[in-house]
PDB file of N, CA and C in Angstrom:
ATOM      1  N   UNK A   1       3.840 -10.666 -15.532  1.00  0.00           N
ATOM      2  CA  UNK A   1       3.641 -11.080 -16.898  1.00  0.00           C
ATOM      3  C   UNK A   1       2.752 -10.056 -17.588  1.00  0.00           C
ATOM      4  N   UNK A   2       3.188  -9.595 -18.724  1.00  0.00           N
ATOM      5  CA  UNK A   2       2.420  -8.625 -19.486  1.00  0.00           C
ATOM      6  C   UNK A   2       1.541  -9.378 -20.488  1.00  0.00           C
ATOM      7  N   UNK A   3       0.291  -8.979 -20.581  1.00  0.00           N
ATOM      8  CA  UNK A   3      -0.648  -9.617 -21.488  1.00  0.00           C
ATOM      9  C   UNK A   3      -0.307  -9.241 -22.926  1.00  0.00           C
ATOM     10  N   UNK A   4      -0.178 -10.239 -23.784  1.00  0.00           N
ATOM     11  CA  UNK A   4       0.202  -9.972 -25.170  1.00  0.00           C
ATOM     12  C   UNK A   4      -0.957  -9.346 -25.945  1.00  0.00           C
ATOM     13  N   UNK A   5      -0.619  -8.683 -27.041  1.00  0.00           N
ATOM     14  CA  UNK A   5      -1.620  -8.034 -27.883  1.00  0.00           C
ATOM     15  C   UNK A   5      -2.589  -9.075 -28.449  1.00  0.00           C
ATOM     16  N   UNK A   6      -2.058 -10.221 -28.819  1.00  0.00           N
ATOM     17  CA  UNK A   6      -2.887 -11.299 -29.356  1.00  0.00           C
ATOM     18  C   UNK A   6      -3.947 -11.731 -28.336  1.00  0.00           C
ATOM     19  N   UNK A   7      -3.534 -11.894 -27.076  1.00  0.00           N
ATOM     20  CA  UNK A   7      -4.479 -12.291 -26.030  1.00  0.00           C
ATOM     21  C   UNK A   7      -5.535 -11.212 -25.814  1.00  0.00           C
ATOM     22  N   UNK A   8      -5.101  -9.944 -25.810  1.00  0.00           N
ATOM     23  CA  UNK A   8      -6.047  -8.844 -25.607  1.00  0.00           C
ATOM     24  C   UNK A   8      -7.071  -8.779 -26.733  1.00  0.00           C
ATOM     25  N   UNK A   9      -6.603  -8.965 -27.962  1.00  0.00           N
ATOM     26  CA  UNK A   9      -7.522  -8.933 -29.110  1.00  0.00           C
ATOM     27  C   UNK A   9      -8.555 -10.050 -29.032  1.00  0.00           C
ATOM     28  N   UNK A  10      -8.093 -11.241 -28.711  1.00  0.00           N
ATOM     29  CA  UNK A  10      -9.011 -12.377 -28.614  1.00  0.00           C
ATOM     30  C   UNK A  10      -9.997 -12.207 -27.455  1.00  0.00           C
ATOM     31  N   UNK A  11      -9.526 -11.688 -26.324  1.00  0.00           N
ATOM     32  CA  UNK A  11     -10.416 -11.464 -25.190  1.00  0.00           C
ATOM     33  C   UNK A  11     -11.484 -10.421 -25.503  1.00  0.00           C
ATOM     34  N   UNK A  12     -11.101  -9.382 -26.249  1.00  0.00           N
ATOM     35  CA  UNK A  12     -12.080  -8.352 -26.604  1.00  0.00           C
ATOM     36  C   UNK A  12     -13.161  -8.906 -27.525  1.00  0.00           C
ATOM     37  N   UNK A  13     -12.830  -9.960 -28.279  1.00  0.00           N
ATOM     38  CA  UNK A  13     -13.807 -10.611 -29.163  1.00  0.00           C
ATOM     39  C   UNK A  13     -14.548 -11.742 -28.451  1.00  0.00           C
ATOM     40  N   UNK A  14     -14.170 -12.020 -27.215  1.00  0.00           N
ATOM     41  CA  UNK A  14     -14.835 -13.069 -26.441  1.00  0.00           C
ATOM     42  C   UNK A  14     -14.316 -14.460 -26.746  1.00  0.00           C
ATOM     43  N   UNK A  15     -13.109 -14.545 -27.253  1.00  0.00           N
ATOM     44  CA  UNK A  15     -12.512 -15.832 -27.603  1.00  0.00           C
ATOM     45  C   UNK A  15     -11.483 -16.211 -26.546  1.00  0.00           C
ATOM     46  N   UNK A  16     -11.591 -17.436 -26.040  1.00  0.00           N
ATOM     47  CA  UNK A  16     -10.606 -17.962 -25.087  1.00  0.00           C
ATOM     48  C   UNK A  16     -10.066 -19.259 -25.673  1.00  0.00           C
ATOM     49  N   UNK A  17      -8.764 -19.287 -25.909  1.00  0.00           N
ATOM     50  CA  UNK A  17      -8.128 -20.463 -26.479  1.00  0.00           C
ATOM     51  C   UNK A  17      -7.501 -21.310 -25.376  1.00  0.00           C
ATOM     52  N   UNK A  18      -7.098 -22.500 -25.759  1.00  0.00           N
ATOM     53  CA  UNK A  18      -6.455 -23.397 -24.798  1.00  0.00           C
ATOM     54  C   UNK A  18      -5.129 -22.809 -24.310  1.00  0.00           C
ATOM     55  N   UNK A  19      -4.403 -22.160 -25.197  1.00  0.00           N
ATOM     56  CA  UNK A  19      -3.121 -21.578 -24.785  1.00  0.00           C
ATOM     57  C   UNK A  19      -3.326 -20.415 -23.812  1.00  0.00           C
ATOM     58  N   UNK A  20      -4.401 -19.654 -23.984  1.00  0.00           N
ATOM     59  CA  UNK A  20      -4.706 -18.563 -23.060  1.00  0.00           C
ATOM     60  C   UNK A  20      -5.062 -19.115 -21.684  1.00  0.00           C
ATOM     61  N   UNK A  21      -5.863 -20.161 -21.666  1.00  0.00           N
ATOM     62  CA  UNK A  21      -6.251 -20.786 -20.407  1.00  0.00           C
ATOM     63  C   UNK A  21      -5.035 -21.399 -19.716  1.00  0.00           C
ATOM     64  N   UNK A  22      -4.167 -21.994 -20.514  1.00  0.00           N
ATOM     65  CA  UNK A  22      -2.944 -22.581 -19.973  1.00  0.00           C
ATOM     66  C   UNK A  22      -2.052 -21.509 -19.343  1.00  0.00           C
ATOM     67  N   UNK A  23      -1.921 -20.369 -20.013  1.00  0.00           N
ATOM     68  CA  UNK A  23      -1.100 -19.275 -19.488  1.00  0.00           C
ATOM     69  C   UNK A  23      -1.692 -18.717 -18.197  1.00  0.00           C
ATOM     70  N   UNK A  24      -3.013 -18.611 -18.143  1.00  0.00           N
ATOM     71  CA  UNK A  24      -3.667 -18.112 -16.932  1.00  0.00           C
ATOM     72  C   UNK A  24      -3.483 -19.084 -15.777  1.00  0.00           C
ATOM     73  N   UNK A  25      -3.629 -20.357 -16.036  1.00  0.00           N
ATOM     74  CA  UNK A  25      -3.453 -21.368 -14.997  1.00  0.00           C
ATOM     75  C   UNK A  25      -2.005 -21.396 -14.505  1.00  0.00           C
ATOM     76  N   UNK A  26      -1.064 -21.274 -15.416  1.00  0.00           N
ATOM     77  CA  UNK A  26       0.348 -21.230 -15.032  1.00  0.00           C
ATOM     78  C   UNK A  26       0.623 -20.038 -14.125  1.00  0.00           C
ATOM     79  N   UNK A  27       0.079 -18.881 -14.492  1.00  0.00           N
ATOM     80  CA  UNK A  27       0.291 -17.661 -13.715  1.00  0.00           C
ATOM     81  C   UNK A  27      -0.289 -17.788 -12.308  1.00  0.00           C
ATOM     82  N   UNK A  28      -1.496 -18.305 -12.214  1.00  0.00           N
ATOM     83  CA  UNK A  28      -2.136 -18.472 -10.908  1.00  0.00           C
ATOM     84  C   UNK A  28      -1.357 -19.475 -10.066  1.00  0.00           C
ATOM     85  N   UNK A  29      -0.918 -20.556 -10.686  1.00  0.00           N
ATOM     86  CA  UNK A  29      -0.154 -21.567  -9.968  1.00  0.00           C
ATOM     87  C   UNK A  29       1.163 -20.994  -9.446  1.00  0.00           C
ATOM     88  N   UNK A  30       1.836 -20.211 -10.272  1.00  0.00           N
ATOM     89  CA  UNK A  30       3.108 -19.611  -9.875  1.00  0.00           C
ATOM     90  C   UNK A  30       2.919 -18.641  -8.713  1.00  0.00           C
ATOM     91  N   UNK A  31       1.859 -17.827  -8.765  1.00  0.00           N
ATOM     92  CA  UNK A  31       1.597 -16.890  -7.675  1.00  0.00           C
ATOM     93  C   UNK A  31       1.257 -17.626  -6.382  1.00  0.00           C
ATOM     94  N   UNK A  32       0.481 -18.704  -6.490  1.00  0.00           N
ATOM     95  CA  UNK A  32       0.137 -19.486  -5.299  1.00  0.00           C
ATOM     96  C   UNK A  32       1.398 -20.057  -4.651  1.00  0.00           C
ATOM     97  N   UNK A  33       2.305 -20.552  -5.469  1.00  0.00           N
ATOM     98  CA  UNK A  33       3.558 -21.089  -4.940  1.00  0.00           C
ATOM     99  C   UNK A  33       4.391 -19.999  -4.279  1.00  0.00           C
ATOM    100  N   UNK A  34       4.421 -18.816  -4.895  1.00  0.00           N
ATOM    101  CA  UNK A  34       5.175 -17.713  -4.299  1.00  0.00           C
ATOM    102  C   UNK A  34       4.621 -17.338  -2.926  1.00  0.00           C
ATOM    103  N   UNK A  35       3.300 -17.264  -2.801  1.00  0.00           N
ATOM    104  CA  UNK A  35       2.695 -16.933  -1.506  1.00  0.00           C
ATOM    105  C   UNK A  35       2.893 -18.061  -0.498  1.00  0.00           C
ATOM    106  N   UNK A  36       2.871 -19.308  -0.958  1.00  0.00           N
ATOM    107  CA  UNK A  36       3.139 -20.432  -0.063  1.00  0.00           C
ATOM    108  C   UNK A  36       4.550 -20.336   0.507  1.00  0.00           C
ATOM    109  N   UNK A  37       5.518 -20.044  -0.361  1.00  0.00           N
ATOM    110  CA  UNK A  37       6.903 -19.913   0.088  1.00  0.00           C
ATOM    111  C   UNK A  37       7.074 -18.722   1.029  1.00  0.00           C
ATOM    112  N   UNK A  38       6.411 -17.618   0.721  1.00  0.00           N
ATOM    113  CA  UNK A  38       6.492 -16.429   1.580  1.00  0.00           C
ATOM    114  C   UNK A  38       5.893 -16.718   2.953  1.00  0.00           C
ATOM    115  N   UNK A  39       4.774 -17.449   2.966  1.00  0.00           N
ATOM    116  CA  UNK A  39       4.137 -17.811   4.230  1.00  0.00           C
ATOM    117  C   UNK A  39       5.081 -18.663   5.085  1.00  0.00           C
ATOM    118  N   UNK A  40       5.732 -19.628   4.457  1.00  0.00           N
ATOM    119  CA  UNK A  40       6.678 -20.478   5.183  1.00  0.00           C
ATOM    120  C   UNK A  40       7.844 -19.668   5.735  1.00  0.00           C
ATOM    121  N   UNK A  41       8.343 -18.743   4.919  1.00  0.00           N
ATOM    122  CA  UNK A  41       9.459 -17.908   5.340  1.00  0.00           C
ATOM    123  C   UNK A  41       9.087 -17.052   6.555  1.00  0.00           C
ATOM    124  N   UNK A  42       7.904 -16.472   6.526  1.00  0.00           N
ATOM    125  CA  UNK A  42       7.455 -15.628   7.634  1.00  0.00           C
ATOM    126  C   UNK A  42       7.212 -16.469   8.884  1.00  0.00           C
ATOM    127  N   UNK A  43       6.626 -17.647   8.725  1.00  0.00           N
ATOM    128  CA  UNK A  43       6.390 -18.514   9.879  1.00  0.00           C
ATOM    129  C   UNK A  43       7.705 -18.937  10.525  1.00  0.00           C
ATOM    130  N   UNK A  44       8.728 -19.188   9.699  1.00  0.00           N
ATOM    131  CA  UNK A  44      10.033 -19.561  10.248  1.00  0.00           C
ATOM    132  C   UNK A  44      10.665 -18.396  11.002  1.00  0.00           C
ATOM    133  N   UNK A  45      10.446 -17.177  10.514  1.00  0.00           N
ATOM    134  CA  UNK A  45      11.067 -16.005  11.123  1.00  0.00           C
ATOM    135  C   UNK A  45      10.318 -15.499  12.353  1.00  0.00           C
ATOM    136  N   UNK A  46       8.978 -15.419  12.247  1.00  0.00           N
ATOM    137  CA  UNK A  46       8.182 -14.764  13.284  1.00  0.00           C
ATOM    138  C   UNK A  46       7.314 -15.707  14.110  1.00  0.00           C
ATOM    139  N   UNK A  47       7.163 -16.934  13.677  1.00  0.00           N
ATOM    140  CA  UNK A  47       6.325 -17.880  14.399  1.00  0.00           C
ATOM    141  C   UNK A  47       5.014 -18.129  13.669  1.00  0.00           C
ATOM    142  N   UNK A  48       4.395 -19.240  14.025  1.00  0.00           N
ATOM    143  CA  UNK A  48       3.193 -19.696  13.321  1.00  0.00           C
ATOM    144  C   UNK A  48       2.013 -18.750  13.463  1.00  0.00           C
ATOM    145  N   UNK A  49       1.855 -18.128  14.604  1.00  0.00           N
ATOM    146  CA  UNK A  49       0.673 -17.312  14.865  1.00  0.00           C
ATOM    147  C   UNK A  49       0.941 -15.808  14.745  1.00  0.00           C
ATOM    148  N   UNK A  50       1.980 -15.465  14.041  1.00  0.00           N
ATOM    149  CA  UNK A  50       2.327 -14.054  13.863  1.00  0.00           C
ATOM    150  C   UNK A  50       1.302 -13.349  12.985  1.00  0.00           C
ATOM    151  N   UNK A  51       1.094 -12.064  13.260  1.00  0.00           N
ATOM    152  CA  UNK A  51       0.162 -11.294  12.439  1.00  0.00           C
ATOM    153  C   UNK A  51       0.685 -11.139  11.014  1.00  0.00           C
ATOM    154  N   UNK A  52       1.986 -11.268  10.820  1.00  0.00           N
ATOM    155  CA  UNK A  52       2.575 -11.129   9.490  1.00  0.00           C
ATOM    156  C   UNK A  52       2.289 -12.341   8.597  1.00  0.00           C
ATOM    157  N   UNK A  53       1.971 -13.470   9.200  1.00  0.00           N
ATOM    158  CA  UNK A  53       1.716 -14.689   8.433  1.00  0.00           C
ATOM    159  C   UNK A  53       0.299 -14.728   7.873  1.00  0.00           C
ATOM    160  N   UNK A  54      -0.577 -13.860   8.329  1.00  0.00           N
ATOM    161  CA  UNK A  54      -1.979 -13.901   7.891  1.00  0.00           C
ATOM    162  C   UNK A  54      -2.165 -13.485   6.438  1.00  0.00           C
ATOM    163  N   UNK A  55      -1.493 -12.415   6.019  1.00  0.00           N
ATOM    164  CA  UNK A  55      -1.683 -11.900   4.667  1.00  0.00           C
ATOM    165  C   UNK A  55      -1.247 -12.898   3.599  1.00  0.00           C
ATOM    166  N   UNK A  56      -0.028 -13.442   3.656  1.00  0.00           N
ATOM    167  CA  UNK A  56       0.346 -14.420   2.623  1.00  0.00           C
ATOM    168  C   UNK A  56      -0.540 -15.658   2.654  1.00  0.00           C
ATOM    169  N   UNK A  57      -0.980 -16.058   3.846  1.00  0.00           N
ATOM    170  CA  UNK A  57      -1.842 -17.227   3.948  1.00  0.00           C
ATOM    171  C   UNK A  57      -3.177 -16.974   3.243  1.00  0.00           C
ATOM    172  N   UNK A  58      -3.766 -15.815   3.469  1.00  0.00           N
ATOM    173  CA  UNK A  58      -5.043 -15.491   2.846  1.00  0.00           C
ATOM    174  C   UNK A  58      -4.911 -15.402   1.332  1.00  0.00           C
ATOM    175  N   UNK A  59      -3.843 -14.780   0.850  1.00  0.00           N
ATOM    176  CA  UNK A  59      -3.641 -14.662  -0.590  1.00  0.00           C
ATOM    177  C   UNK A  59      -3.359 -16.015  -1.216  1.00  0.00           C
ATOM    178  N   UNK A  60      -2.597 -16.854  -0.513  1.00  0.00           N
ATOM    179  CA  UNK A  60      -2.309 -18.199  -1.009  1.00  0.00           C
ATOM    180  C   UNK A  60      -3.601 -18.979  -1.166  1.00  0.00           C
ATOM    181  N   UNK A  61      -4.448 -18.921  -0.162  1.00  0.00           N
ATOM    182  CA  UNK A  61      -5.731 -19.634  -0.228  1.00  0.00           C
ATOM    183  C   UNK A  61      -6.600 -19.100  -1.367  1.00  0.00           C
ATOM    184  N   UNK A  62      -6.579 -17.786  -1.584  1.00  0.00           N
ATOM    185  CA  UNK A  62      -7.343 -17.188  -2.675  1.00  0.00           C
ATOM    186  C   UNK A  62      -6.860 -17.722  -4.025  1.00  0.00           C
ATOM    187  N   UNK A  63      -5.541 -17.797  -4.212  1.00  0.00           N
ATOM    188  CA  UNK A  63      -5.015 -18.303  -5.472  1.00  0.00           C
ATOM    189  C   UNK A  63      -5.279 -19.799  -5.634  1.00  0.00           C
ATOM    190  N   UNK A  64      -5.278 -20.559  -4.547  1.00  0.00           N
ATOM    191  CA  UNK A  64      -5.624 -21.978  -4.643  1.00  0.00           C
ATOM    192  C   UNK A  64      -7.080 -22.157  -5.081  1.00  0.00           C
ATOM    193  N   UNK A  65      -7.965 -21.295  -4.599  1.00  0.00           N
ATOM    194  CA  UNK A  65      -9.373 -21.352  -5.031  1.00  0.00           C
ATOM    195  C   UNK A  65      -9.490 -21.042  -6.517  1.00  0.00           C
ATOM    196  N   UNK A  66      -8.747 -20.033  -6.980  1.00  0.00           N
ATOM    197  CA  UNK A  66      -8.762 -19.688  -8.399  1.00  0.00           C
ATOM    198  C   UNK A  66      -8.212 -20.840  -9.231  1.00  0.00           C
ATOM    199  N   UNK A  67      -7.167 -21.457  -8.722  1.00  0.00           N
ATOM    200  CA  UNK A  67      -6.544 -22.579  -9.424  1.00  0.00           C
ATOM    201  C   UNK A  67      -7.536 -23.735  -9.597  1.00  0.00           C
ATOM    202  N   UNK A  68      -8.299 -24.015  -8.547  1.00  0.00           N
ATOM    203  CA  UNK A  68      -9.301 -25.079  -8.630  1.00  0.00           C
ATOM    204  C   UNK A  68     -10.391 -24.731  -9.636  1.00  0.00           C
ATOM    205  N   UNK A  69     -10.822 -23.468  -9.649  1.00  0.00           N
ATOM    206  CA  UNK A  69     -11.886 -23.082 -10.571  1.00  0.00           C
ATOM    207  C   UNK A  69     -11.394 -23.115 -12.011  1.00  0.00           C
ATOM    208  N   UNK A  70     -10.133 -22.744 -12.259  1.00  0.00           N
ATOM    209  CA  UNK A  70      -9.586 -22.820 -13.619  1.00  0.00           C
ATOM    210  C   UNK A  70      -9.429 -24.259 -14.077  1.00  0.00           C
ATOM    211  N   UNK A  71      -9.012 -25.132 -13.186  1.00  0.00           N
ATOM    212  CA  UNK A  71      -8.773 -26.512 -13.583  1.00  0.00           C
ATOM    213  C   UNK A  71     -10.062 -27.259 -13.889  1.00  0.00           C
ATOM    214  N   UNK A  72     -11.202 -26.755 -13.423  1.00  0.00           N
ATOM    215  CA  UNK A  72     -12.484 -27.392 -13.720  1.00  0.00           C
ATOM    216  C   UNK A  72     -12.977 -27.082 -15.128  1.00  0.00           C
ATOM    217  N   UNK A  73     -12.411 -26.040 -15.752  1.00  0.00           N
ATOM    218  CA  UNK A  73     -12.855 -25.651 -17.093  1.00  0.00           C
ATOM    219  C   UNK A  73     -12.408 -26.600 -18.121  1.00  0.00           C
TER     220      UNK A  73
END
């Protein structure tokens, strides 16, 4: 997702609107879901304890933490 000029202008002025927060939360949620699906796919292919499953799991957890912090605002 490319950041719109309107969002960039408002951010440079220190303004955060509800629509900006909504877009950020949507983006984080979508990325978390993508990493969750990737983790499941790798676990099905390589097994639960595969070294390949660690990276998507860590990124998924990171995005879930961001999602929780955004939803508290």
